[in-house]
């Protein structure tokens, strides 16, 4: 499976199926793809802020993709003619070998509760933390799901900063960690190299430019 960083918090998983997570592409100054070029089987949305919901509805419609989201966002998607799986923090939903769990996140949203997502495909698990502050139950996420890759925001102000995200790595204990949600806009300026230094030997840190990927 390939895990692409598309810029900001947008991620694409390519394997047996293609899964987009928080596809904020239009209006994203660092996006490596345009929504018109997206080829998706599934789309996952962690919460309804514009820089995460992004182009999710348009991509799902254009591709006939299934949307995974909190219940309230899923209802809106269904009202727009999109097939959607409404979920919340708790059990998994599985479609065609793709298994999705939503986890807690400490943030805000207009619709429902913000969440992170764990995606299992081809025997590998990817944890996308969404927008979140640091919280102690990240340890439970690590113990329960044992993610191969964790995508963690480091931009501060609205999410964890470099230091807090490095502490999150100690709790989650992923094999690989990819910093996201930083340097898209001046207000979330952060230094991924400082994050890498703070993580130390706790995990392998892969700093990706938009469009680059890690294969697991």
Protein backbone atom coordinates (compact mmCIF):
# COMPACT_ATOMS: atom_id res chain seq x y z
CA UNK A 1 0.00 0.00 0.00
CA UNK A 2 1.20 3.51 -0.84
CA UNK A 3 0.40 6.42 1.49
CA UNK A 4 0.52 9.74 -0.37
CA UNK A 5 0.69 13.13 1.31
CA UNK A 6 -1.30 15.51 -0.91
CA UNK A 7 -0.67 18.67 1.12
CA UNK A 8 -2.16 20.10 4.34
CA UNK A 9 -4.06 17.12 5.84
CA UNK A 10 -5.11 15.49 2.57
CA UNK A 11 -3.94 11.91 2.15
CA UNK A 12 -4.44 9.20 -0.47
CA UNK A 13 -4.07 5.49 0.17
CA UNK A 14 -3.42 3.32 -2.89
CA UNK A 15 -3.68 -0.42 -2.67
CA UNK A 16 -6.47 -2.86 -3.44
CA UNK A 17 -8.66 0.27 -3.51
CA UNK A 18 -7.98 4.00 -3.56
CA UNK A 19 -9.00 5.90 -0.46
CA UNK A 20 -8.87 9.67 0.02
CA UNK A 21 -8.83 11.15 3.52
CA UNK A 22 -9.78 14.81 4.08
CA UNK A 23 -9.33 15.77 0.41
CA UNK A 24 -8.92 19.54 0.69
CA UNK A 25 -7.54 20.17 -2.80
CA UNK A 26 -9.42 23.16 -4.25
CA UNK A 27 -8.14 26.28 -2.50
CA UNK A 28 -5.22 24.41 -0.98
CA UNK A 29 -2.10 26.35 -2.01
CA UNK A 30 0.18 23.32 -1.64
CA UNK A 31 -2.09 20.59 -3.04
CA UNK A 32 -0.36 18.13 -5.36
CA UNK A 33 -3.60 17.08 -7.08
CA UNK A 34 -6.71 18.69 -8.50
CA UNK A 35 -10.10 17.32 -7.57
CA UNK A 36 -10.81 16.66 -11.25
CA UNK A 37 -7.91 14.20 -11.35
CA UNK A 38 -8.93 12.27 -8.23
CA UNK A 39 -9.86 8.63 -8.81
CA UNK A 40 -11.42 7.32 -5.62
CA UNK A 41 -13.21 4.20 -4.46
CA UNK A 42 -13.73 5.58 -0.95
CA UNK A 43 -13.52 8.98 0.71
CA UNK A 44 -13.10 9.53 4.46
CA UNK A 45 -13.85 12.80 6.24
CA UNK A 46 -12.71 13.40 9.83
CA UNK A 47 -14.78 16.56 10.40
CA UNK A 48 -16.61 19.31 8.55
CA UNK A 49 -14.12 22.20 8.57
CA UNK A 50 -13.48 23.37 5.03
CA UNK A 51 -9.81 22.39 5.04
CA UNK A 52 -10.82 18.77 5.73
CA UNK A 53 -14.25 18.26 4.17
CA UNK A 54 -12.78 20.06 1.17
CA UNK A 55 -13.74 18.38 -2.10
CA UNK A 56 -15.02 15.19 -0.49
CA UNK A 57 -18.56 15.45 -1.82
CA UNK A 58 -17.45 16.40 -5.35
CA UNK A 59 -14.88 13.59 -5.51
CA UNK A 60 -17.37 11.03 -4.19
CA UNK A 61 -20.01 12.13 -6.71
CA UNK A 62 -17.63 12.16 -9.67
CA UNK A 63 -16.33 8.67 -8.90
CA UNK A 64 -19.38 6.98 -7.44
CA UNK A 65 -17.25 6.55 -4.32
CA UNK A 66 -18.57 5.68 -0.87
CA UNK A 67 -18.09 8.34 1.80
CA UNK A 68 -17.22 7.41 5.40
CA UNK A 69 -17.98 10.19 7.87
CA UNK A 70 -19.61 11.03 11.16
CA UNK A 71 -23.35 10.42 11.03
CA UNK A 72 -24.36 14.04 10.48
CA UNK A 73 -21.98 14.57 7.56
CA UNK A 74 -23.10 11.25 6.06
CA UNK A 75 -26.74 12.39 6.17
CA UNK A 76 -25.81 15.56 4.27
CA UNK A 77 -23.92 13.48 1.74
CA UNK A 78 -26.90 11.18 1.23
CA UNK A 79 -29.12 14.21 0.70
CA UNK A 80 -26.72 15.13 -2.12
CA UNK A 81 -27.05 11.73 -3.76
CA UNK A 82 -23.85 10.24 -2.37
CA UNK A 83 -23.63 6.75 -0.93
CA UNK A 84 -22.37 7.22 2.60
CA UNK A 85 -21.55 5.17 5.67
CA UNK A 86 -22.50 7.17 8.77
CA UNK A 87 -20.31 6.34 11.73
CA UNK A 88 -19.10 7.57 15.09
CA UNK A 89 -16.34 6.72 17.55
CA UNK A 90 -16.67 3.00 18.17
CA UNK A 91 -16.95 -0.06 15.95
CA UNK A 92 -15.69 -0.54 12.42
CA UNK A 93 -17.44 -0.54 9.07
CA UNK A 94 -16.03 -2.79 6.35
CA UNK A 95 -16.52 -2.54 2.59
CA UNK A 96 -14.66 -4.68 0.02
CA UNK A 97 -11.84 -5.45 2.42
CA UNK A 98 -11.42 -1.83 3.54
CA UNK A 99 -12.05 -1.49 7.26
CA UNK A 100 -12.55 1.93 8.89
CA UNK A 101 -12.76 2.90 12.55
CA UNK A 102 -13.25 6.45 13.84
CA UNK A 103 -11.37 7.53 16.95
CA UNK A 104 -11.65 10.45 19.29
CA UNK A 105 -10.09 13.84 18.45
CA UNK A 106 -9.93 17.00 20.53
CA UNK A 107 -11.14 19.79 18.27
CA UNK A 108 -14.35 21.53 17.16
CA UNK A 109 -16.76 21.22 14.25
CA UNK A 110 -20.13 22.57 13.19
CA UNK A 111 -21.64 19.16 12.55
CA UNK A 112 -21.22 16.34 15.01
CA UNK A 113 -17.98 15.43 16.74
CA UNK A 114 -14.51 15.71 15.14
CA UNK A 115 -12.70 12.41 14.84
CA UNK A 116 -9.56 10.65 13.71
CA UNK A 117 -9.66 7.59 11.46
CA UNK A 118 -7.93 4.22 11.36
CA UNK A 119 -7.98 2.53 7.96
CA UNK A 120 -7.04 -1.10 7.41
CA UNK A 121 -6.21 -2.29 3.91
CA UNK A 122 -4.12 -5.26 2.78
CA UNK A 123 -3.27 -6.10 6.37
CA UNK A 124 -1.79 -2.66 7.10
CA UNK A 125 -3.25 0.04 9.33
CA UNK A 126 -2.98 3.81 8.90
CA UNK A 127 -4.04 6.24 11.62
CA UNK A 128 -4.99 9.75 10.46
CA UNK A 129 -5.44 11.82 13.61
CA UNK A 130 -7.52 14.54 11.92
CA UNK A 131 -7.34 17.90 13.67
CA UNK A 132 -6.58 17.27 17.31
CA UNK A 133 -4.82 18.39 20.42
CA UNK A 134 -2.84 15.95 22.50
CA UNK A 135 -4.86 13.59 24.69
CA UNK A 136 -3.89 10.67 26.89
CA UNK A 137 -6.14 8.12 25.20
CA UNK A 138 -3.88 8.22 22.16
CA UNK A 139 -2.12 5.47 24.10
CA UNK A 140 -5.26 3.34 23.75
CA UNK A 141 -5.35 4.02 20.00
CA UNK A 142 -1.79 2.72 19.76
CA UNK A 143 -2.46 -0.32 21.93
CA UNK A 144 -5.71 -1.28 20.23
CA UNK A 145 -4.92 -0.59 16.57
CA UNK A 146 -1.09 -0.80 16.44
CA UNK A 147 -0.89 1.47 13.38
CA UNK A 148 1.90 0.92 10.88
CA UNK A 149 1.73 4.61 9.97
CA UNK A 150 0.43 7.59 11.94
CA UNK A 151 -0.30 10.93 10.28
CA UNK A 152 -0.15 13.61 12.96
CA UNK A 153 -0.80 17.36 12.77
CA UNK A 154 2.10 19.53 14.00
CA UNK A 155 1.02 23.05 13.01
CA UNK A 156 0.02 24.34 16.45
CA UNK A 157 -2.66 26.96 17.12
CA UNK A 158 -5.53 24.69 16.01
CA UNK A 159 -3.82 21.32 16.62
CA UNK A 160 -0.79 19.84 18.31
CA UNK A 161 2.52 21.59 17.78
CA UNK A 162 5.86 19.84 17.17
CA UNK A 163 6.49 19.08 20.84
CA UNK A 164 2.99 17.82 21.58
CA UNK A 165 2.92 15.69 18.44
CA UNK A 166 6.27 14.17 19.38
CA UNK A 167 4.80 13.20 22.75
CA UNK A 168 1.83 11.68 20.89
CA UNK A 169 4.27 9.44 19.03
CA UNK A 170 5.44 8.06 22.39
CA UNK A 171 1.84 7.19 23.24
CA UNK A 172 0.83 5.72 19.87
CA UNK A 173 4.10 3.94 19.01
CA UNK A 174 3.61 3.69 15.22
CA UNK A 175 6.26 2.23 12.97
CA UNK A 176 6.33 5.34 10.78
CA UNK A 177 5.01 8.82 11.47
CA UNK A 178 4.28 11.49 8.86
CA UNK A 179 3.75 15.12 9.96
CA UNK A 180 0.73 16.86 8.39
CA UNK A 181 -1.31 20.05 8.79
CA UNK A 182 1.57 22.52 8.84
CA UNK A 183 2.99 25.34 6.68
CA UNK A 184 -0.05 25.47 4.41
CA UNK A 185 -0.76 28.93 5.77
CA UNK A 186 1.42 31.27 7.89
CA UNK A 187 -0.79 30.75 10.95
CA UNK A 188 0.23 27.08 11.17
CA UNK A 189 3.93 27.48 10.49
CA UNK A 190 5.96 24.63 11.99
CA UNK A 191 9.33 22.94 11.59
CA UNK A 192 9.08 19.25 10.65
CA UNK A 193 12.81 18.80 11.22
CA UNK A 194 12.36 19.91 14.83
CA UNK A 195 9.50 17.43 15.14
CA UNK A 196 11.76 14.70 13.78
CA UNK A 197 14.48 15.59 16.27
CA UNK A 198 12.01 15.53 19.16
CA UNK A 199 10.66 12.12 18.12
CA UNK A 200 14.18 10.72 18.15
CA UNK A 201 14.19 6.94 18.08
CA UNK A 202 10.53 6.50 19.04
CA UNK A 203 9.51 6.02 15.38
CA UNK A 204 10.74 6.55 11.85
CA UNK A 205 9.75 10.08 10.80
CA UNK A 206 9.12 10.58 7.09
CA UNK A 207 8.81 14.22 6.06
CA UNK A 208 6.99 14.25 2.73
CA UNK A 209 6.50 17.01 0.21
CA UNK A 210 3.04 17.14 -1.36
CA UNK A 211 2.79 14.37 -3.93
CA UNK A 212 5.37 12.10 -2.26
CA UNK A 213 4.49 8.76 -0.70
CA UNK A 214 5.59 6.06 1.70
CA UNK A 215 5.05 2.41 0.74
CA UNK A 216 4.33 -0.23 3.38
